[in-house]
Amino acid sequence: MGKSRLPAVLATAVAVPVAVVAGIVVFNAIAPEAEDADLVQEDLSPVSVEVPALGDEDAVVCLALTATAPETAGGLEARPVEGGERAAESVMAYGDPAVVATCGAEPVAVEDTAAVYKLNGVCWFSEGDGAEWTTLDRQVPVAVGFPEEYEQPVDVLNDLSNVIGEKIPVAADAPTGCA
């Protein structure tokens, strides 16, 4: 009886390791290869920003905006900001390199004939190269700066427009193109 089980035990001892090796080889052959781009981690460390000087009323409006800011804008992950007291209460950053949105930016004066863009109910203006966009129709202006790597800012502006439209009241003196 001892001799009749020996071939079965021997066959099992050989078959199991061979099956494991064959499984690993087949898995590696059919598994998609990770591309180098997938292995690069996006830098989500704090972004150094300039904090605008805000009056008390504007500071409250900006805090309402930043406290409800989306975790992503245009598919870019939110990043913490640093740069002084209350940086996180008035400035938001997204992606790598960072797109920076500043609540309480300097207002922009435009001619009534200037090209303005209404995105999700918020009126935006940009001069020239489109590296910086500023709201025109809000009581507290918001400026969004884009690094030159971003060719199309509309996705980010659309996502930010949603929360800007909800949290920052409309200004009484918006340009006619923003109506």
N, C-alpha and C. Protein backbone atom coordinates (compact mmCIF):
# COMPACT_ATOMS: atom_id res chain seq x y z
N MET A 1 0.81 -1.18 0.00
CA MET A 1 0.00 0.00 0.00
C MET A 1 0.87 1.26 0.00
N GLY A 2 2.00 1.26 0.64
CA GLY A 2 2.92 2.37 0.68
C GLY A 2 3.49 2.68 -0.68
N LYS A 3 3.75 1.62 -1.52
CA LYS A 3 4.33 1.85 -2.84
C LYS A 3 3.32 2.45 -3.81
N SER A 4 2.04 2.19 -3.67
CA SER A 4 1.05 2.68 -4.62
C SER A 4 0.79 4.19 -4.46
N ARG A 5 1.06 4.74 -3.32
CA ARG A 5 0.86 6.19 -3.11
C ARG A 5 2.09 6.99 -3.51
N LEU A 6 3.23 6.38 -3.58
CA LEU A 6 4.47 7.08 -3.89
C LEU A 6 4.42 7.77 -5.26
N PRO A 7 3.93 7.13 -6.33
CA PRO A 7 3.86 7.83 -7.61
C PRO A 7 2.94 9.05 -7.55
N ALA A 8 1.85 8.98 -6.83
CA ALA A 8 0.92 10.10 -6.73
C ALA A 8 1.55 11.27 -5.97
N VAL A 9 2.25 10.97 -4.89
CA VAL A 9 2.90 12.02 -4.10
C VAL A 9 4.01 12.66 -4.93
N LEU A 10 4.78 11.84 -5.64
CA LEU A 10 5.86 12.34 -6.48
C LEU A 10 5.31 13.21 -7.61
N ALA A 11 4.23 12.79 -8.23
CA ALA A 11 3.61 13.55 -9.31
C ALA A 11 3.09 14.90 -8.79
N THR A 12 2.51 14.90 -7.61
CA THR A 12 2.00 16.13 -7.00
C THR A 12 3.15 17.07 -6.65
N ALA A 13 4.21 16.54 -6.11
CA ALA A 13 5.37 17.35 -5.72
C ALA A 13 6.00 18.02 -6.93
N VAL A 14 5.92 17.42 -8.09
CA VAL A 14 6.47 18.01 -9.31
C VAL A 14 5.45 18.93 -9.98
N ALA A 15 4.18 18.53 -10.00
CA ALA A 15 3.15 19.27 -10.73
C ALA A 15 2.83 20.63 -10.10
N VAL A 16 2.78 20.72 -8.78
CA VAL A 16 2.41 21.97 -8.12
C VAL A 16 3.42 23.08 -8.43
N PRO A 17 4.72 22.90 -8.22
CA PRO A 17 5.66 23.98 -8.56
C PRO A 17 5.65 24.32 -10.06
N VAL A 18 5.49 23.31 -10.92
CA VAL A 18 5.45 23.57 -12.35
C VAL A 18 4.21 24.42 -12.68
N ALA A 19 3.08 24.13 -12.07
CA ALA A 19 1.85 24.89 -12.31
C ALA A 19 2.00 26.33 -11.81
N VAL A 20 2.64 26.54 -10.66
CA VAL A 20 2.84 27.88 -10.12
C VAL A 20 3.73 28.69 -11.06
N VAL A 21 4.84 28.11 -11.50
CA VAL A 21 5.75 28.80 -12.41
C VAL A 21 5.03 29.12 -13.73
N ALA A 22 4.27 28.17 -14.24
CA ALA A 22 3.55 28.39 -15.50
C ALA A 22 2.52 29.51 -15.33
N GLY A 23 1.84 29.56 -14.18
CA GLY A 23 0.86 30.62 -13.91
C GLY A 23 1.51 31.99 -13.87
N ILE A 24 2.67 32.08 -13.24
CA ILE A 24 3.38 33.35 -13.17
C ILE A 24 3.82 33.80 -14.56
N VAL A 25 4.33 32.87 -15.35
CA VAL A 25 4.78 33.21 -16.71
C VAL A 25 3.59 33.69 -17.55
N VAL A 26 2.48 32.98 -17.49
CA VAL A 26 1.30 33.37 -18.26
C VAL A 26 0.76 34.72 -17.79
N PHE A 27 0.69 34.94 -16.47
CA PHE A 27 0.19 36.22 -15.93
C PHE A 27 1.06 37.37 -16.43
N ASN A 28 2.37 37.22 -16.34
CA ASN A 28 3.28 38.28 -16.79
C ASN A 28 3.18 38.52 -18.30
N ALA A 29 2.86 37.49 -19.04
CA ALA A 29 2.75 37.63 -20.49
C ALA A 29 1.48 38.38 -20.88
N ILE A 30 0.39 38.17 -20.15
CA ILE A 30 -0.88 38.80 -20.55
C ILE A 30 -1.20 40.06 -19.76
N ALA A 31 -0.54 40.30 -18.63
CA ALA A 31 -0.81 41.50 -17.82
C ALA A 31 -0.29 42.73 -18.56
N PRO A 32 -1.06 43.83 -18.54
CA PRO A 32 -0.57 45.04 -19.21
C PRO A 32 0.66 45.57 -18.50
N GLU A 33 1.60 46.05 -19.30
CA GLU A 33 2.81 46.60 -18.72
C GLU A 33 2.52 48.00 -18.22
N ALA A 34 3.07 48.34 -17.06
CA ALA A 34 2.93 49.68 -16.50
C ALA A 34 3.80 50.62 -17.32
N GLU A 35 3.20 51.71 -17.75
CA GLU A 35 3.97 52.69 -18.50
C GLU A 35 4.74 53.56 -17.52
N ASP A 36 5.81 54.13 -17.99
CA ASP A 36 6.64 54.98 -17.13
C ASP A 36 5.83 56.13 -16.56
N ALA A 37 4.89 56.67 -17.34
CA ALA A 37 4.08 57.80 -16.86
C ALA A 37 3.24 57.40 -15.66
N ASP A 38 2.80 56.16 -15.60
CA ASP A 38 1.99 55.72 -14.47
C ASP A 38 2.81 55.62 -13.20
N LEU A 39 4.11 55.51 -13.32
CA LEU A 39 4.95 55.35 -12.16
C LEU A 39 5.38 56.69 -11.57
N VAL A 40 5.20 57.79 -12.30
CA VAL A 40 5.59 59.10 -11.82
C VAL A 40 4.49 59.63 -10.91
N GLN A 41 4.87 59.99 -9.70
CA GLN A 41 3.92 60.54 -8.74
C GLN A 41 3.78 62.04 -8.94
N GLU A 42 2.56 62.52 -8.90
CA GLU A 42 2.32 63.95 -9.01
C GLU A 42 2.75 64.60 -7.69
N ASP A 43 3.40 65.76 -7.77
CA ASP A 43 3.83 66.48 -6.59
C ASP A 43 2.63 67.20 -6.00
N LEU A 44 2.20 66.78 -4.84
CA LEU A 44 1.07 67.42 -4.18
C LEU A 44 1.49 68.07 -2.87
N SER A 45 2.75 68.50 -2.80
CA SER A 45 3.26 69.19 -1.62
C SER A 45 2.67 70.60 -1.59
N PRO A 46 2.77 71.29 -0.44
CA PRO A 46 2.21 72.65 -0.35
C PRO A 46 2.81 73.60 -1.38
N VAL A 47 1.96 74.48 -1.88
CA VAL A 47 2.35 75.48 -2.87
C VAL A 47 2.54 76.81 -2.15
N SER A 48 3.67 77.47 -2.39
CA SER A 48 3.93 78.78 -1.81
C SER A 48 3.18 79.83 -2.62
N VAL A 49 2.33 80.61 -1.95
CA VAL A 49 1.48 81.58 -2.63
C VAL A 49 1.58 82.95 -1.98
N GLU A 50 1.13 83.96 -2.71
CA GLU A 50 1.00 85.29 -2.14
C GLU A 50 -0.43 85.44 -1.64
N VAL A 51 -0.56 85.95 -0.43
CA VAL A 51 -1.88 86.11 0.18
C VAL A 51 -2.34 87.55 -0.03
N PRO A 52 -3.54 87.73 -0.61
CA PRO A 52 -4.02 89.09 -0.82
C PRO A 52 -4.41 89.76 0.50
N ALA A 53 -4.30 91.07 0.53
CA ALA A 53 -4.76 91.84 1.70
C ALA A 53 -6.27 92.00 1.55
N LEU A 54 -7.00 91.47 2.50
CA LEU A 54 -8.46 91.48 2.42
C LEU A 54 -9.07 92.22 3.60
N GLY A 55 -10.15 92.96 3.33
CA GLY A 55 -10.94 93.53 4.40
C GLY A 55 -11.74 92.42 5.06
N ASP A 56 -12.33 92.72 6.19
CA ASP A 56 -13.06 91.70 6.95
C ASP A 56 -14.19 91.07 6.14
N GLU A 57 -14.97 91.89 5.44
CA GLU A 57 -16.11 91.38 4.67
C GLU A 57 -15.64 90.46 3.53
N ASP A 58 -14.61 90.89 2.79
CA ASP A 58 -14.07 90.08 1.70
C ASP A 58 -13.45 88.79 2.23
N ALA A 59 -12.82 88.86 3.40
CA ALA A 59 -12.20 87.67 4.00
C ALA A 59 -13.26 86.61 4.31
N VAL A 60 -14.42 87.05 4.77
CA VAL A 60 -15.50 86.11 5.07
C VAL A 60 -16.00 85.44 3.79
N VAL A 61 -16.14 86.23 2.72
CA VAL A 61 -16.59 85.69 1.43
C VAL A 61 -15.57 84.69 0.90
N CYS A 62 -14.29 85.04 0.97
CA CYS A 62 -13.25 84.14 0.47
C CYS A 62 -13.18 82.85 1.29
N LEU A 63 -13.36 82.96 2.59
CA LEU A 63 -13.35 81.76 3.43
C LEU A 63 -14.51 80.84 3.05
N ALA A 64 -15.67 81.42 2.74
CA ALA A 64 -16.81 80.60 2.30
C ALA A 64 -16.47 79.86 1.02
N LEU A 65 -15.71 80.52 0.13
CA LEU A 65 -15.31 79.90 -1.12
C LEU A 65 -14.30 78.78 -0.88
N THR A 66 -13.22 79.08 -0.19
CA THR A 66 -12.16 78.08 -0.01
C THR A 66 -12.60 76.91 0.86
N ALA A 67 -13.51 77.16 1.79
CA ALA A 67 -13.99 76.08 2.67
C ALA A 67 -14.82 75.05 1.91
N THR A 68 -15.38 75.46 0.77
CA THR A 68 -16.21 74.55 -0.02
C THR A 68 -15.59 74.24 -1.38
N ALA A 69 -14.31 74.55 -1.52
CA ALA A 69 -13.62 74.33 -2.80
C ALA A 69 -13.61 72.84 -3.15
N PRO A 70 -13.70 72.53 -4.43
CA PRO A 70 -13.70 71.12 -4.84
C PRO A 70 -12.34 70.46 -4.60
N GLU A 71 -12.36 69.14 -4.39
CA GLU A 71 -11.12 68.36 -4.20
C GLU A 71 -10.33 68.24 -5.51
N THR A 72 -11.04 68.38 -6.63
CA THR A 72 -10.38 68.38 -7.94
C THR A 72 -11.00 69.49 -8.77
N ALA A 73 -10.21 70.03 -9.67
CA ALA A 73 -10.70 71.03 -10.62
C ALA A 73 -10.07 70.69 -11.97
N GLY A 74 -10.91 70.42 -12.94
CA GLY A 74 -10.40 70.05 -14.26
C GLY A 74 -9.58 68.77 -14.22
N GLY A 75 -9.88 67.89 -13.27
CA GLY A 75 -9.14 66.64 -13.12
C GLY A 75 -7.84 66.79 -12.35
N LEU A 76 -7.55 67.98 -11.86
CA LEU A 76 -6.32 68.22 -11.09
C LEU A 76 -6.63 68.13 -9.60
N GLU A 77 -5.76 67.45 -8.87
CA GLU A 77 -5.93 67.28 -7.42
C GLU A 77 -5.64 68.57 -6.67
N ALA A 78 -6.42 68.84 -5.62
CA ALA A 78 -6.17 70.00 -4.77
C ALA A 78 -4.85 69.83 -4.03
N ARG A 79 -4.18 70.94 -3.80
CA ARG A 79 -2.93 70.95 -3.06
C ARG A 79 -3.03 71.95 -1.92
N PRO A 80 -2.35 71.68 -0.81
CA PRO A 80 -2.34 72.67 0.27
C PRO A 80 -1.53 73.89 -0.15
N VAL A 81 -1.81 75.02 0.49
CA VAL A 81 -1.08 76.25 0.20
C VAL A 81 -0.42 76.76 1.47
N GLU A 82 0.68 77.47 1.28
CA GLU A 82 1.37 78.13 2.39
C GLU A 82 1.87 79.47 1.88
N GLY A 83 2.08 80.39 2.79
CA GLY A 83 2.56 81.69 2.36
C GLY A 83 2.18 82.77 3.34
N GLY A 84 1.82 82.37 4.50
CA GLY A 84 1.49 83.35 5.52
C GLY A 84 0.16 83.05 6.16
N GLU A 85 -0.14 83.90 7.11
CA GLU A 85 -1.38 83.74 7.85
C GLU A 85 -2.57 83.83 6.90
N ARG A 86 -3.48 82.94 7.03
CA ARG A 86 -4.72 82.90 6.25
C ARG A 86 -4.54 82.57 4.78
N ALA A 87 -3.43 81.97 4.41
CA ALA A 87 -3.23 81.60 2.99
C ALA A 87 -4.34 80.65 2.53
N ALA A 88 -4.63 79.65 3.33
CA ALA A 88 -5.63 78.65 2.95
C ALA A 88 -7.05 79.21 2.97
N GLU A 89 -7.23 80.39 3.53
CA GLU A 89 -8.56 81.00 3.59
C GLU A 89 -8.88 81.84 2.35
N SER A 90 -7.87 82.07 1.50
CA SER A 90 -8.14 82.90 0.33
C SER A 90 -7.51 82.37 -0.97
N VAL A 91 -6.68 81.32 -0.87
CA VAL A 91 -6.00 80.82 -2.06
C VAL A 91 -6.18 79.31 -2.15
N MET A 92 -6.39 78.83 -3.38
CA MET A 92 -6.52 77.40 -3.66
C MET A 92 -5.50 77.03 -4.74
N ALA A 93 -5.01 75.80 -4.69
CA ALA A 93 -4.06 75.35 -5.71
C ALA A 93 -4.45 73.94 -6.15
N TYR A 94 -4.18 73.66 -7.44
CA TYR A 94 -4.53 72.37 -8.03
C TYR A 94 -3.43 71.91 -8.97
N GLY A 95 -3.10 70.62 -8.92
CA GLY A 95 -2.23 70.00 -9.90
C GLY A 95 -0.76 70.29 -9.75
N ASP A 96 -0.01 69.71 -10.67
CA ASP A 96 1.45 69.85 -10.71
C ASP A 96 1.89 70.00 -12.16
N PRO A 97 2.40 71.14 -12.57
CA PRO A 97 2.62 72.36 -11.80
C PRO A 97 1.30 72.99 -11.38
N ALA A 98 1.34 73.79 -10.35
CA ALA A 98 0.12 74.26 -9.70
C ALA A 98 -0.61 75.35 -10.47
N VAL A 99 -1.92 75.15 -10.59
CA VAL A 99 -2.85 76.19 -11.01
C VAL A 99 -3.27 76.86 -9.70
N VAL A 100 -3.15 78.18 -9.60
CA VAL A 100 -3.42 78.88 -8.35
C VAL A 100 -4.61 79.83 -8.53
N ALA A 101 -5.61 79.67 -7.66
CA ALA A 101 -6.80 80.52 -7.67
C ALA A 101 -6.78 81.40 -6.42
N THR A 102 -6.83 82.72 -6.63
CA THR A 102 -6.73 83.67 -5.52
C THR A 102 -8.02 84.46 -5.40
N CYS A 103 -8.68 84.33 -4.27
CA CYS A 103 -9.89 85.09 -3.98
C CYS A 103 -9.44 86.42 -3.38
N GLY A 104 -10.00 87.51 -3.86
CA GLY A 104 -9.60 88.82 -3.40
C GLY A 104 -8.53 89.43 -4.28
N ALA A 105 -8.49 88.97 -5.52
CA ALA A 105 -7.53 89.51 -6.49
C ALA A 105 -7.90 90.94 -6.87
N GLU A 106 -6.95 91.62 -7.47
CA GLU A 106 -7.23 92.97 -7.96
C GLU A 106 -8.30 92.90 -9.05
N PRO A 107 -9.29 93.78 -9.00
CA PRO A 107 -10.30 93.79 -10.05
C PRO A 107 -9.69 94.21 -11.39
N VAL A 108 -10.28 93.70 -12.46
CA VAL A 108 -9.81 93.99 -13.81
C VAL A 108 -10.85 94.87 -14.48
N ALA A 109 -10.40 95.99 -15.04
CA ALA A 109 -11.30 96.88 -15.79
C ALA A 109 -11.21 96.50 -17.26
N VAL A 110 -12.36 96.30 -17.89
CA VAL A 110 -12.38 95.94 -19.31
C VAL A 110 -13.35 96.86 -20.05
N GLU A 111 -13.09 97.02 -21.32
CA GLU A 111 -14.00 97.78 -22.19
C GLU A 111 -15.27 96.96 -22.39
N ASP A 112 -16.37 97.62 -22.65
CA ASP A 112 -17.63 96.91 -22.89
C ASP A 112 -17.55 96.00 -24.11
N THR A 113 -16.60 96.28 -25.00
CA THR A 113 -16.47 95.46 -26.21
C THR A 113 -15.45 94.33 -26.05
N ALA A 114 -14.86 94.19 -24.87
CA ALA A 114 -13.85 93.14 -24.65
C ALA A 114 -14.49 91.76 -24.70
N ALA A 115 -13.72 90.79 -25.14
CA ALA A 115 -14.19 89.40 -25.18
C ALA A 115 -14.20 88.85 -23.76
N VAL A 116 -15.38 88.50 -23.29
CA VAL A 116 -15.53 87.89 -21.97
C VAL A 116 -16.18 86.53 -22.16
N TYR A 117 -15.99 85.66 -21.19
CA TYR A 117 -16.47 84.28 -21.31
C TYR A 117 -17.29 83.93 -20.08
N LYS A 118 -18.52 83.52 -20.29
CA LYS A 118 -19.39 83.12 -19.20
C LYS A 118 -19.35 81.61 -19.09
N LEU A 119 -18.82 81.12 -17.99
CA LEU A 119 -18.69 79.68 -17.75
C LEU A 119 -19.45 79.31 -16.49
N ASN A 120 -20.45 78.48 -16.64
CA ASN A 120 -21.29 78.05 -15.51
C ASN A 120 -21.79 79.24 -14.70
N GLY A 121 -22.20 80.29 -15.40
CA GLY A 121 -22.80 81.43 -14.74
C GLY A 121 -21.82 82.47 -14.20
N VAL A 122 -20.53 82.28 -14.40
CA VAL A 122 -19.52 83.23 -13.92
C VAL A 122 -18.81 83.82 -15.13
N CYS A 123 -18.64 85.15 -15.12
CA CYS A 123 -18.02 85.87 -16.23
C CYS A 123 -16.51 85.99 -16.00
N TRP A 124 -15.73 85.55 -16.99
CA TRP A 124 -14.26 85.54 -16.90
C TRP A 124 -13.66 86.38 -18.02
N PHE A 125 -12.46 86.90 -17.73
CA PHE A 125 -11.70 87.67 -18.72
C PHE A 125 -10.22 87.28 -18.60
N SER A 126 -9.57 87.22 -19.75
CA SER A 126 -8.13 86.99 -19.78
C SER A 126 -7.51 87.85 -20.87
N GLU A 127 -6.37 88.41 -20.56
CA GLU A 127 -5.65 89.20 -21.56
C GLU A 127 -4.61 88.33 -22.24
N GLY A 128 -4.49 88.51 -23.53
CA GLY A 128 -3.40 87.90 -24.30
C GLY A 128 -3.26 86.41 -24.24
N ASP A 129 -2.26 85.93 -23.52
CA ASP A 129 -1.87 84.52 -23.58
C ASP A 129 -2.75 83.57 -22.78
N GLY A 130 -3.68 84.07 -22.00
CA GLY A 130 -4.57 83.21 -21.23
C GLY A 130 -3.92 82.58 -20.01
N ALA A 131 -2.81 83.16 -19.55
CA ALA A 131 -2.13 82.61 -18.37
C ALA A 131 -2.84 82.98 -17.08
N GLU A 132 -3.61 84.06 -17.09
CA GLU A 132 -4.37 84.45 -15.91
C GLU A 132 -5.78 84.86 -16.31
N TRP A 133 -6.74 84.31 -15.60
CA TRP A 133 -8.15 84.60 -15.83
C TRP A 133 -8.71 85.22 -14.55
N THR A 134 -9.59 86.23 -14.71
CA THR A 134 -10.15 86.92 -13.56
C THR A 134 -11.65 87.05 -13.74
N THR A 135 -12.39 86.84 -12.63
CA THR A 135 -13.84 87.03 -12.68
C THR A 135 -14.13 88.52 -12.78
N LEU A 136 -15.19 88.84 -13.52
CA LEU A 136 -15.58 90.24 -13.72
C LEU A 136 -16.89 90.59 -13.03
N ASP A 137 -17.68 89.60 -12.72
CA ASP A 137 -19.03 89.86 -12.25
C ASP A 137 -19.27 89.46 -10.80
N ARG A 138 -18.23 89.41 -9.99
CA ARG A 138 -18.36 89.01 -8.59
C ARG A 138 -17.95 90.15 -7.68
N GLN A 139 -18.58 90.25 -6.50
CA GLN A 139 -18.25 91.30 -5.55
C GLN A 139 -16.80 91.21 -5.10
N VAL A 140 -16.28 90.00 -5.00
CA VAL A 140 -14.87 89.79 -4.67
C VAL A 140 -14.26 89.04 -5.86
N PRO A 141 -13.34 89.68 -6.60
CA PRO A 141 -12.77 89.02 -7.77
C PRO A 141 -11.91 87.81 -7.41
N VAL A 142 -11.93 86.83 -8.30
CA VAL A 142 -11.09 85.65 -8.18
C VAL A 142 -10.22 85.59 -9.43
N ALA A 143 -8.91 85.44 -9.23
CA ALA A 143 -7.97 85.30 -10.35
C ALA A 143 -7.40 83.89 -10.32
N VAL A 144 -7.30 83.29 -11.49
CA VAL A 144 -6.75 81.94 -11.60
C VAL A 144 -5.55 82.00 -12.55
N GLY A 145 -4.38 81.65 -12.02
CA GLY A 145 -3.16 81.66 -12.81
C GLY A 145 -2.80 80.26 -13.27
N PHE A 146 -2.48 80.14 -14.56
CA PHE A 146 -2.15 78.86 -15.17
C PHE A 146 -0.69 78.84 -15.62
N PRO A 147 0.06 77.80 -15.26
CA PRO A 147 1.41 77.65 -15.82
C PRO A 147 1.31 77.45 -17.33
N GLU A 148 2.37 77.73 -18.05
CA GLU A 148 2.33 77.65 -19.51
C GLU A 148 2.07 76.24 -20.02
N GLU A 149 2.24 75.21 -19.19
CA GLU A 149 1.98 73.83 -19.61
C GLU A 149 0.50 73.58 -19.90
N TYR A 150 -0.39 74.40 -19.32
CA TYR A 150 -1.82 74.21 -19.51
C TYR A 150 -2.29 75.01 -20.71
N GLU A 151 -2.67 74.29 -21.76
CA GLU A 151 -3.11 74.97 -22.97
C GLU A 151 -4.59 75.31 -22.95
N GLN A 152 -5.38 74.57 -22.18
CA GLN A 152 -6.83 74.75 -22.17
C GLN A 152 -7.33 74.85 -20.73
N PRO A 153 -7.56 76.06 -20.22
CA PRO A 153 -7.98 76.22 -18.83
C PRO A 153 -9.48 76.03 -18.57
N VAL A 154 -10.26 75.82 -19.61
CA VAL A 154 -11.72 75.82 -19.46
C VAL A 154 -12.21 74.78 -18.45
N ASP A 155 -11.63 73.58 -18.42
CA ASP A 155 -12.10 72.55 -17.48
C ASP A 155 -11.93 73.01 -16.03
N VAL A 156 -10.78 73.60 -15.73
CA VAL A 156 -10.55 74.09 -14.37
C VAL A 156 -11.50 75.24 -14.06
N LEU A 157 -11.63 76.18 -14.98
CA LEU A 157 -12.52 77.33 -14.77
C LEU A 157 -13.97 76.90 -14.60
N ASN A 158 -14.41 75.92 -15.37
CA ASN A 158 -15.79 75.43 -15.22
C ASN A 158 -16.03 74.88 -13.82
N ASP A 159 -15.10 74.05 -13.34
CA ASP A 159 -15.27 73.47 -12.00
C ASP A 159 -15.23 74.54 -10.91
N LEU A 160 -14.33 75.49 -11.03
CA LEU A 160 -14.26 76.55 -10.03
C LEU A 160 -15.46 77.49 -10.13
N SER A 161 -15.98 77.69 -11.34
CA SER A 161 -17.14 78.56 -11.52
C SER A 161 -18.34 78.06 -10.73
N ASN A 162 -18.49 76.76 -10.62
CA ASN A 162 -19.62 76.22 -9.86
C ASN A 162 -19.62 76.75 -8.43
N VAL A 163 -18.50 76.62 -7.74
CA VAL A 163 -18.44 77.05 -6.34
C VAL A 163 -18.37 78.57 -6.22
N ILE A 164 -17.70 79.24 -7.16
CA ILE A 164 -17.65 80.71 -7.15
C ILE A 164 -19.06 81.27 -7.30
N GLY A 165 -19.83 80.70 -8.23
CA GLY A 165 -21.21 81.15 -8.44
C GLY A 165 -22.09 80.97 -7.22
N GLU A 166 -21.81 79.94 -6.44
CA GLU A 166 -22.60 79.67 -5.23
C GLU A 166 -22.18 80.55 -4.05
N LYS A 167 -20.91 80.86 -3.92
CA LYS A 167 -20.40 81.48 -2.70
C LYS A 167 -20.09 82.97 -2.80
N ILE A 168 -19.83 83.47 -4.00
CA ILE A 168 -19.48 84.89 -4.12
C ILE A 168 -20.63 85.61 -4.83
N PRO A 169 -21.23 86.59 -4.15
CA PRO A 169 -22.36 87.31 -4.74
C PRO A 169 -21.98 88.04 -6.03
N VAL A 170 -22.97 88.23 -6.88
CA VAL A 170 -22.79 88.94 -8.14
C VAL A 170 -22.60 90.43 -7.86
N ALA A 171 -21.67 91.06 -8.56
CA ALA A 171 -21.43 92.49 -8.44
C ALA A 171 -22.50 93.27 -9.17
N ALA A 172 -22.77 94.46 -8.70
CA ALA A 172 -23.79 95.30 -9.35
C ALA A 172 -23.28 95.92 -10.63
N ASP A 173 -21.96 96.04 -10.78
CA ASP A 173 -21.42 96.77 -11.91
C ASP A 173 -20.61 95.88 -12.88
N ALA A 174 -21.17 94.73 -13.24
CA ALA A 174 -20.50 93.82 -14.16
C ALA A 174 -20.54 94.40 -15.57
N PRO A 175 -19.51 94.15 -16.39
CA PRO A 175 -19.51 94.64 -17.78
C PRO A 175 -20.73 94.09 -18.54
N THR A 176 -21.13 94.82 -19.59
CA THR A 176 -22.31 94.43 -20.35
C THR A 176 -22.18 93.06 -20.99
N GLY A 177 -20.98 92.64 -21.35
CA GLY A 177 -20.79 91.32 -21.95
C GLY A 177 -21.05 90.16 -20.99
N CYS A 178 -21.16 90.48 -19.71
CA CYS A 178 -21.38 89.43 -18.70
C CYS A 178 -22.87 89.19 -18.41
N ALA A 179 -23.73 89.97 -19.02
CA ALA A 179 -25.16 89.84 -18.74
C ALA A 179 -25.73 88.53 -19.21
